[in-house]
Amino acid sequence: MELRLDPDLETFRKKVRGFIDRIFPADMKERQLRKVANNAAVPDLLEWMRILNAHGRSVPHWPEEHGGCGWTPMQLFIFNEELYKADA
């Protein structure tokens, strides 16, 4: 059975995918693709968090009034799924 998303969530997914494609540094992506373990190097993790923070996405699960995105649980799921797919 295939999960079909509301058109607004599909649009959200496309925006998230484009966002990740734009901001995920190519050199970091290459290192992540060649990773030995299931964890990126600490300097890359720190830099990735800085990048996400600069774009207001480091704590998307927090409410907007506390610096988060105010996303629904499904939007947060999609964001995390796209990060996983991108190996970000």
PDB file of N, CA and C in Angstrom:
ATOM      1  N   MET A   1       0.845  -1.176   0.000  1.00  0.00           N
ATOM      2  CA  MET A   1       0.000   0.000   0.000  1.00  0.00           C
ATOM      3  C   MET A   1       0.891   1.240   0.000  1.00  0.00           C
ATOM      4  N   GLU A   2       0.590   2.143  -0.868  1.00  0.00           N
ATOM      5  CA  GLU A   2       1.375   3.363  -1.007  1.00  0.00           C
ATOM      6  C   GLU A   2       0.727   4.508  -0.226  1.00  0.00           C
ATOM      7  N   LEU A   3       1.548   5.226   0.502  1.00  0.00           N
ATOM      8  CA  LEU A   3       1.075   6.388   1.234  1.00  0.00           C
ATOM      9  C   LEU A   3       0.968   7.560   0.267  1.00  0.00           C
ATOM     10  N   ARG A   4      -0.202   8.124   0.181  1.00  0.00           N
ATOM     11  CA  ARG A   4      -0.405   9.291  -0.682  1.00  0.00           C
ATOM     12  C   ARG A   4      -0.600  10.518   0.194  1.00  0.00           C
ATOM     13  N   LEU A   5       0.220  11.508  -0.085  1.00  0.00           N
ATOM     14  CA  LEU A   5       0.181  12.726   0.715  1.00  0.00           C
ATOM     15  C   LEU A   5      -0.757  13.758   0.103  1.00  0.00           C
ATOM     16  N   ASP A   6      -1.255  14.584   0.961  1.00  0.00           N
ATOM     17  CA  ASP A   6      -2.026  15.747   0.557  1.00  0.00           C
ATOM     18  C   ASP A   6      -1.155  16.570  -0.400  1.00  0.00           C
ATOM     19  N   PRO A   7      -1.733  17.192  -1.436  1.00  0.00           N
ATOM     20  CA  PRO A   7      -0.926  18.001  -2.375  1.00  0.00           C
ATOM     21  C   PRO A   7      -0.078  19.069  -1.686  1.00  0.00           C
ATOM     22  N   ASP A   8      -0.574  19.656  -0.612  1.00  0.00           N
ATOM     23  CA  ASP A   8       0.212  20.663   0.112  1.00  0.00           C
ATOM     24  C   ASP A   8       1.467  20.045   0.726  1.00  0.00           C
ATOM     25  N   LEU A   9       1.346  18.809   1.198  1.00  0.00           N
ATOM     26  CA  LEU A   9       2.518  18.131   1.766  1.00  0.00           C
ATOM     27  C   LEU A   9       3.497  17.720   0.674  1.00  0.00           C
ATOM     28  N   GLU A  10       3.001  17.371  -0.488  1.00  0.00           N
ATOM     29  CA  GLU A  10       3.899  17.064  -1.617  1.00  0.00           C
ATOM     30  C   GLU A  10       4.666  18.320  -2.014  1.00  0.00           C
ATOM     31  N   THR A  11       3.995  19.452  -2.010  1.00  0.00           N
ATOM     32  CA  THR A  11       4.665  20.730  -2.300  1.00  0.00           C
ATOM     33  C   THR A  11       5.707  21.023  -1.238  1.00  0.00           C
ATOM     34  N   PHE A  12       5.360  20.800   0.016  1.00  0.00           N
ATOM     35  CA  PHE A  12       6.300  20.981   1.113  1.00  0.00           C
ATOM     36  C   PHE A  12       7.519  20.090   0.912  1.00  0.00           C
ATOM     37  N   ARG A  13       7.304  18.821   0.540  1.00  0.00           N
ATOM     38  CA  ARG A  13       8.410  17.890   0.305  1.00  0.00           C
ATOM     39  C   ARG A  13       9.341  18.419  -0.785  1.00  0.00           C
ATOM     40  N   LYS A  14       8.782  18.919  -1.869  1.00  0.00           N
ATOM     41  CA  LYS A  14       9.602  19.449  -2.962  1.00  0.00           C
ATOM     42  C   LYS A  14      10.424  20.648  -2.497  1.00  0.00           C
ATOM     43  N   LYS A  15       9.811  21.499  -1.669  1.00  0.00           N
ATOM     44  CA  LYS A  15      10.541  22.663  -1.141  1.00  0.00           C
ATOM     45  C   LYS A  15      11.680  22.218  -0.224  1.00  0.00           C
ATOM     46  N   VAL A  16      11.406  21.235   0.621  1.00  0.00           N
ATOM     47  CA  VAL A  16      12.446  20.717   1.523  1.00  0.00           C
ATOM     48  C   VAL A  16      13.585  20.106   0.714  1.00  0.00           C
ATOM     49  N   ARG A  17      13.237  19.307  -0.283  1.00  0.00           N
ATOM     50  CA  ARG A  17      14.260  18.672  -1.120  1.00  0.00           C
ATOM     51  C   ARG A  17      15.120  19.727  -1.812  1.00  0.00           C
ATOM     52  N   GLY A  18      14.488  20.764  -2.350  1.00  0.00           N
ATOM     53  CA  GLY A  18      15.231  21.848  -2.995  1.00  0.00           C
ATOM     54  C   GLY A  18      16.112  22.596  -2.014  1.00  0.00           C
ATOM     55  N   PHE A  19      15.581  22.826  -0.829  1.00  0.00           N
ATOM     56  CA  PHE A  19      16.339  23.497   0.234  1.00  0.00           C
ATOM     57  C   PHE A  19      17.601  22.708   0.563  1.00  0.00           C
ATOM     58  N   ILE A  20      17.464  21.415   0.762  1.00  0.00           N
ATOM     59  CA  ILE A  20      18.625  20.574   1.091  1.00  0.00           C
ATOM     60  C   ILE A  20      19.618  20.567  -0.066  1.00  0.00           C
ATOM     61  N   ASP A  21      19.128  20.442  -1.282  1.00  0.00           N
ATOM     62  CA  ASP A  21      20.016  20.453  -2.454  1.00  0.00           C
ATOM     63  C   ASP A  21      20.815  21.748  -2.532  1.00  0.00           C
ATOM     64  N   ARG A  22      20.186  22.873  -2.162  1.00  0.00           N
ATOM     65  CA  ARG A  22      20.855  24.174  -2.229  1.00  0.00           C
ATOM     66  C   ARG A  22      21.898  24.362  -1.145  1.00  0.00           C
ATOM     67  N   ILE A  23      21.615  23.891   0.065  1.00  0.00           N
ATOM     68  CA  ILE A  23      22.494  24.259   1.178  1.00  0.00           C
ATOM     69  C   ILE A  23      23.472  23.171   1.607  1.00  0.00           C
ATOM     70  N   PHE A  24      23.267  21.941   1.192  1.00  0.00           N
ATOM     71  CA  PHE A  24      24.160  20.855   1.618  1.00  0.00           C
ATOM     72  C   PHE A  24      25.447  20.931   0.802  1.00  0.00           C
ATOM     73  N   PRO A  25      26.571  21.302   1.442  1.00  0.00           N
ATOM     74  CA  PRO A  25      27.821  21.475   0.707  1.00  0.00           C
ATOM     75  C   PRO A  25      28.264  20.185   0.003  1.00  0.00           C
ATOM     76  N   ALA A  26      28.699  20.340  -1.243  1.00  0.00           N
ATOM     77  CA  ALA A  26      29.099  19.183  -2.053  1.00  0.00           C
ATOM     78  C   ALA A  26      30.230  18.395  -1.400  1.00  0.00           C
ATOM     79  N   ASP A  27      31.207  19.083  -0.815  1.00  0.00           N
ATOM     80  CA  ASP A  27      32.317  18.364  -0.192  1.00  0.00           C
ATOM     81  C   ASP A  27      31.853  17.567   1.027  1.00  0.00           C
ATOM     82  N   MET A  28      30.926  18.127   1.777  1.00  0.00           N
ATOM     83  CA  MET A  28      30.388  17.427   2.940  1.00  0.00           C
ATOM     84  C   MET A  28      29.567  16.215   2.490  1.00  0.00           C
ATOM     85  N   LYS A  29      28.797  16.409   1.428  1.00  0.00           N
ATOM     86  CA  LYS A  29      27.989  15.314   0.889  1.00  0.00           C
ATOM     87  C   LYS A  29      28.885  14.161   0.431  1.00  0.00           C
ATOM     88  N   GLU A  30      29.977  14.495  -0.231  1.00  0.00           N
ATOM     89  CA  GLU A  30      30.914  13.467  -0.698  1.00  0.00           C
ATOM     90  C   GLU A  30      31.514  12.700   0.471  1.00  0.00           C
ATOM     91  N   ARG A  31      31.933  13.418   1.502  1.00  0.00           N
ATOM     92  CA  ARG A  31      32.475  12.739   2.685  1.00  0.00           C
ATOM     93  C   ARG A  31      31.425  11.856   3.350  1.00  0.00           C
ATOM     94  N   GLN A  32      30.207  12.334   3.405  1.00  0.00           N
ATOM     95  CA  GLN A  32      29.133  11.564   4.025  1.00  0.00           C
ATOM     96  C   GLN A  32      28.836  10.293   3.223  1.00  0.00           C
ATOM     97  N   LEU A  33      28.912  10.379   1.908  1.00  0.00           N
ATOM     98  CA  LEU A  33      28.676   9.202   1.060  1.00  0.00           C
ATOM     99  C   LEU A  33      29.761   8.141   1.254  1.00  0.00           C
ATOM    100  N   ARG A  34      30.963   8.577   1.624  1.00  0.00           N
ATOM    101  CA  ARG A  34      32.078   7.643   1.826  1.00  0.00           C
ATOM    102  C   ARG A  34      32.262   7.254   3.283  1.00  0.00           C
ATOM    103  N   LYS A  35      31.320   7.590   4.133  1.00  0.00           N
ATOM    104  CA  LYS A  35      31.477   7.351   5.565  1.00  0.00           C
ATOM    105  C   LYS A  35      31.762   5.884   5.866  1.00  0.00           C
ATOM    106  N   VAL A  36      32.557   5.685   6.882  1.00  0.00           N
ATOM    107  CA  VAL A  36      32.927   4.338   7.296  1.00  0.00           C
ATOM    108  C   VAL A  36      31.884   3.801   8.262  1.00  0.00           C
ATOM    109  N   ALA A  37      31.497   4.617   9.220  1.00  0.00           N
ATOM    110  CA  ALA A  37      30.479   4.217  10.190  1.00  0.00           C
ATOM    111  C   ALA A  37      29.173   4.936   9.829  1.00  0.00           C
ATOM    112  N   ASN A  38      28.207   4.835  10.685  1.00  0.00           N
ATOM    113  CA  ASN A  38      26.930   5.488  10.432  1.00  0.00           C
ATOM    114  C   ASN A  38      26.901   6.903  10.990  1.00  0.00           C
ATOM    115  N   ASN A  39      28.062   7.472  11.275  1.00  0.00           N
ATOM    116  CA  ASN A  39      28.130   8.830  11.818  1.00  0.00           C
ATOM    117  C   ASN A  39      29.108   9.655  11.003  1.00  0.00           C
ATOM    118  N   ALA A  40      28.738  10.894  10.773  1.00  0.00           N
ATOM    119  CA  ALA A  40      29.648  11.811  10.095  1.00  0.00           C
ATOM    120  C   ALA A  40      30.722  12.250  11.073  1.00  0.00           C
ATOM    121  N   ALA A  41      31.785  12.812  10.537  1.00  0.00           N
ATOM    122  CA  ALA A  41      32.844  13.348  11.382  1.00  0.00           C
ATOM    123  C   ALA A  41      32.291  14.526  12.183  1.00  0.00           C
ATOM    124  N   VAL A  42      32.788  14.678  13.379  1.00  0.00           N
ATOM    125  CA  VAL A  42      32.294  15.741  14.270  1.00  0.00           C
ATOM    126  C   VAL A  42      32.386  17.122  13.618  1.00  0.00           C
ATOM    127  N   PRO A  43      33.485  17.491  12.961  1.00  0.00           N
ATOM    128  CA  PRO A  43      33.515  18.829  12.341  1.00  0.00           C
ATOM    129  C   PRO A  43      32.393  19.021  11.310  1.00  0.00           C
ATOM    130  N   ASP A  44      32.081  17.981  10.534  1.00  0.00           N
ATOM    131  CA  ASP A  44      30.980  18.089   9.574  1.00  0.00           C
ATOM    132  C   ASP A  44      29.636  18.224  10.284  1.00  0.00           C
ATOM    133  N   LEU A  45      29.455  17.487  11.357  1.00  0.00           N
ATOM    134  CA  LEU A  45      28.205  17.601  12.110  1.00  0.00           C
ATOM    135  C   LEU A  45      28.016  19.012  12.648  1.00  0.00           C
ATOM    136  N   LEU A  46      29.087  19.577  13.191  1.00  0.00           N
ATOM    137  CA  LEU A  46      29.012  20.938  13.733  1.00  0.00           C
ATOM    138  C   LEU A  46      28.726  21.949  12.627  1.00  0.00           C
ATOM    139  N   GLU A  47      29.418  21.795  11.495  1.00  0.00           N
ATOM    140  CA  GLU A  47      29.206  22.716  10.376  1.00  0.00           C
ATOM    141  C   GLU A  47      27.787  22.583   9.829  1.00  0.00           C
ATOM    142  N   TRP A  48      27.279  21.361   9.718  1.00  0.00           N
ATOM    143  CA  TRP A  48      25.925  21.146   9.207  1.00  0.00           C
ATOM    144  C   TRP A  48      24.893  21.799  10.136  1.00  0.00           C
ATOM    145  N   MET A  49      25.114  21.685  11.442  1.00  0.00           N
ATOM    146  CA  MET A  49      24.197  22.329  12.382  1.00  0.00           C
ATOM    147  C   MET A  49      24.272  23.848  12.256  1.00  0.00           C
ATOM    148  N   ARG A  50      25.464  24.383  12.010  1.00  0.00           N
ATOM    149  CA  ARG A  50      25.602  25.839  11.799  1.00  0.00           C
ATOM    150  C   ARG A  50      24.822  26.269  10.551  1.00  0.00           C
ATOM    151  N   ILE A  51      24.935  25.468   9.497  1.00  0.00           N
ATOM    152  CA  ILE A  51      24.229  25.781   8.246  1.00  0.00           C
ATOM    153  C   ILE A  51      22.718  25.738   8.467  1.00  0.00           C
ATOM    154  N   LEU A  52      22.252  24.665   9.089  1.00  0.00           N
ATOM    155  CA  LEU A  52      20.812  24.561   9.362  1.00  0.00           C
ATOM    156  C   LEU A  52      20.344  25.717  10.245  1.00  0.00           C
ATOM    157  N   ASN A  53      21.141  26.058  11.248  1.00  0.00           N
ATOM    158  CA  ASN A  53      20.784  27.158  12.142  1.00  0.00           C
ATOM    159  C   ASN A  53      20.694  28.482  11.386  1.00  0.00           C
ATOM    160  N   ALA A  54      21.629  28.716  10.488  1.00  0.00           N
ATOM    161  CA  ALA A  54      21.623  29.956   9.711  1.00  0.00           C
ATOM    162  C   ALA A  54      20.358  30.092   8.865  1.00  0.00           C
ATOM    163  N   HIS A  55      19.746  28.961   8.547  1.00  0.00           N
ATOM    164  CA  HIS A  55      18.524  28.958   7.746  1.00  0.00           C
ATOM    165  C   HIS A  55      17.273  28.691   8.587  1.00  0.00           C
ATOM    166  N   GLY A  56      17.427  28.740   9.912  1.00  0.00           N
ATOM    167  CA  GLY A  56      16.283  28.557  10.798  1.00  0.00           C
ATOM    168  C   GLY A  56      15.733  27.151  10.832  1.00  0.00           C
ATOM    169  N   ARG A  57      16.596  26.156  10.581  1.00  0.00           N
ATOM    170  CA  ARG A  57      16.130  24.772  10.515  1.00  0.00           C
ATOM    171  C   ARG A  57      16.857  23.829  11.469  1.00  0.00           C
ATOM    172  N   SER A  58      17.567  24.352  12.447  1.00  0.00           N
ATOM    173  CA  SER A  58      18.311  23.458  13.340  1.00  0.00           C
ATOM    174  C   SER A  58      17.421  22.788  14.379  1.00  0.00           C
ATOM    175  N   VAL A  59      16.308  23.413  14.722  1.00  0.00           N
ATOM    176  CA  VAL A  59      15.369  22.822  15.692  1.00  0.00           C
ATOM    177  C   VAL A  59      13.943  22.951  15.137  1.00  0.00           C
ATOM    178  N   PRO A  60      13.665  22.313  14.004  1.00  0.00           N
ATOM    179  CA  PRO A  60      12.357  22.505  13.368  1.00  0.00           C
ATOM    180  C   PRO A  60      11.192  21.987  14.199  1.00  0.00           C
ATOM    181  N   HIS A  61      11.471  21.122  15.158  1.00  0.00           N
ATOM    182  CA  HIS A  61      10.412  20.554  15.994  1.00  0.00           C
ATOM    183  C   HIS A  61       9.991  21.507  17.123  1.00  0.00           C
ATOM    184  N   TRP A  62      10.732  22.573  17.338  1.00  0.00           N
ATOM    185  CA  TRP A  62      10.369  23.538  18.381  1.00  0.00           C
ATOM    186  C   TRP A  62       9.258  24.459  17.864  1.00  0.00           C
ATOM    187  N   PRO A  63       8.468  25.034  18.767  1.00  0.00           N
ATOM    188  CA  PRO A  63       7.464  26.028  18.352  1.00  0.00           C
ATOM    189  C   PRO A  63       8.149  27.272  17.783  1.00  0.00           C
ATOM    190  N   GLU A  64       7.455  27.975  16.923  1.00  0.00           N
ATOM    191  CA  GLU A  64       8.022  29.183  16.305  1.00  0.00           C
ATOM    192  C   GLU A  64       8.469  30.209  17.334  1.00  0.00           C
ATOM    193  N   GLU A  65       7.718  30.358  18.406  1.00  0.00           N
ATOM    194  CA  GLU A  65       8.070  31.367  19.406  1.00  0.00           C
ATOM    195  C   GLU A  65       9.366  31.057  20.136  1.00  0.00           C
ATOM    196  N   HIS A  66       9.871  29.860  19.962  1.00  0.00           N
ATOM    197  CA  HIS A  66      11.144  29.473  20.581  1.00  0.00           C
ATOM    198  C   HIS A  66      12.230  29.202  19.538  1.00  0.00           C
ATOM    199  N   GLY A  67      12.016  29.685  18.312  1.00  0.00           N
ATOM    200  CA  GLY A  67      13.023  29.556  17.270  1.00  0.00           C
ATOM    201  C   GLY A  67      12.852  28.367  16.341  1.00  0.00           C
ATOM    202  N   GLY A  68      11.771  27.637  16.496  1.00  0.00           N
ATOM    203  CA  GLY A  68      11.510  26.489  15.634  1.00  0.00           C
ATOM    204  C   GLY A  68      10.709  26.883  14.402  1.00  0.00           C
ATOM    205  N   CYS A  69      10.209  25.886  13.713  1.00  0.00           N
ATOM    206  CA  CYS A  69       9.465  26.113  12.471  1.00  0.00           C
ATOM    207  C   CYS A  69       7.957  26.086  12.650  1.00  0.00           C
ATOM    208  N   GLY A  70       7.499  25.499  13.748  1.00  0.00           N
ATOM    209  CA  GLY A  70       6.066  25.403  13.951  1.00  0.00           C
ATOM    210  C   GLY A  70       5.401  24.444  12.989  1.00  0.00           C
ATOM    211  N   TRP A  71       6.161  23.476  12.506  1.00  0.00           N
ATOM    212  CA  TRP A  71       5.623  22.512  11.546  1.00  0.00           C
ATOM    213  C   TRP A  71       4.711  21.496  12.217  1.00  0.00           C
ATOM    214  N   THR A  72       3.864  20.916  11.414  1.00  0.00           N
ATOM    215  CA  THR A  72       3.022  19.814  11.882  1.00  0.00           C
ATOM    216  C   THR A  72       3.899  18.574  12.037  1.00  0.00           C
ATOM    217  N   PRO A  73       3.423  17.565  12.750  1.00  0.00           N
ATOM    218  CA  PRO A  73       4.204  16.321  12.844  1.00  0.00           C
ATOM    219  C   PRO A  73       4.517  15.720  11.469  1.00  0.00           C
ATOM    220  N   MET A  74       3.596  15.819  10.534  1.00  0.00           N
ATOM    221  CA  MET A  74       3.837  15.256   9.203  1.00  0.00           C
ATOM    222  C   MET A  74       4.904  16.054   8.450  1.00  0.00           C
ATOM    223  N   GLN A  75       4.895  17.363   8.587  1.00  0.00           N
ATOM    224  CA  GLN A  75       5.939  18.176   7.953  1.00  0.00           C
ATOM    225  C   GLN A  75       7.303  17.842   8.544  1.00  0.00           C
ATOM    226  N   LEU A  76       7.357  17.676   9.838  1.00  0.00           N
ATOM    227  CA  LEU A  76       8.613  17.305  10.490  1.00  0.00           C
ATOM    228  C   LEU A  76       9.080  15.933  10.008  1.00  0.00           C
ATOM    229  N   PHE A  77       8.154  14.996   9.868  1.00  0.00           N
ATOM    230  CA  PHE A  77       8.492  13.674   9.348  1.00  0.00           C
ATOM    231  C   PHE A  77       9.087  13.787   7.946  1.00  0.00           C
ATOM    232  N   ILE A  78       8.453  14.584   7.097  1.00  0.00           N
ATOM    233  CA  ILE A  78       8.929  14.765   5.719  1.00  0.00           C
ATOM    234  C   ILE A  78      10.315  15.393   5.722  1.00  0.00           C
ATOM    235  N   PHE A  79      10.528  16.409   6.543  1.00  0.00           N
ATOM    236  CA  PHE A  79      11.839  17.058   6.628  1.00  0.00           C
ATOM    237  C   PHE A  79      12.914  16.038   7.013  1.00  0.00           C
ATOM    238  N   ASN A  80      12.642  15.259   8.046  1.00  0.00           N
ATOM    239  CA  ASN A  80      13.611  14.250   8.485  1.00  0.00           C
ATOM    240  C   ASN A  80      13.814  13.165   7.436  1.00  0.00           C
ATOM    241  N   GLU A  81      12.758  12.779   6.766  1.00  0.00           N
ATOM    242  CA  GLU A  81      12.870  11.773   5.714  1.00  0.00           C
ATOM    243  C   GLU A  81      13.746  12.278   4.570  1.00  0.00           C
ATOM    244  N   GLU A  82      13.568  13.524   4.192  1.00  0.00           N
ATOM    245  CA  GLU A  82      14.380  14.101   3.115  1.00  0.00           C
ATOM    246  C   GLU A  82      15.841  14.274   3.546  1.00  0.00           C
ATOM    247  N   LEU A  83      16.076  14.638   4.799  1.00  0.00           N
ATOM    248  CA  LEU A  83      17.457  14.689   5.293  1.00  0.00           C
ATOM    249  C   LEU A  83      18.099  13.305   5.191  1.00  0.00           C
ATOM    250  N   TYR A  84      17.359  12.291   5.575  1.00  0.00           N
ATOM    251  CA  TYR A  84      17.862  10.910   5.521  1.00  0.00           C
ATOM    252  C   TYR A  84      18.155  10.499   4.078  1.00  0.00           C
ATOM    253  N   LYS A  85      17.236  10.798   3.179  1.00  0.00           N
ATOM    254  CA  LYS A  85      17.419  10.448   1.760  1.00  0.00           C
ATOM    255  C   LYS A  85      18.648  11.134   1.159  1.00  0.00           C
ATOM    256  N   ALA A  86      18.897  12.365   1.602  1.00  0.00           N
ATOM    257  CA  ALA A  86      20.049  13.123   1.099  1.00  0.00           C
ATOM    258  C   ALA A  86      21.339  12.779   1.798  1.00  0.00           C
ATOM    259  N   ASP A  87      21.249  11.909   2.817  1.00  0.00           N
ATOM    260  CA  ASP A  87      22.417  11.541   3.631  1.00  0.00           C
ATOM    261  C   ASP A  87      22.997  12.766   4.316  1.00  0.00           C
ATOM    262  N   ALA A  88      22.092  13.662   4.681  1.00  0.00           N
ATOM    263  CA  ALA A  88      22.508  14.937   5.290  1.00  0.00           C
ATOM    264  C   ALA A  88      22.467  14.829   6.813  1.00  0.00           C
TER     265      ALA A  88
END
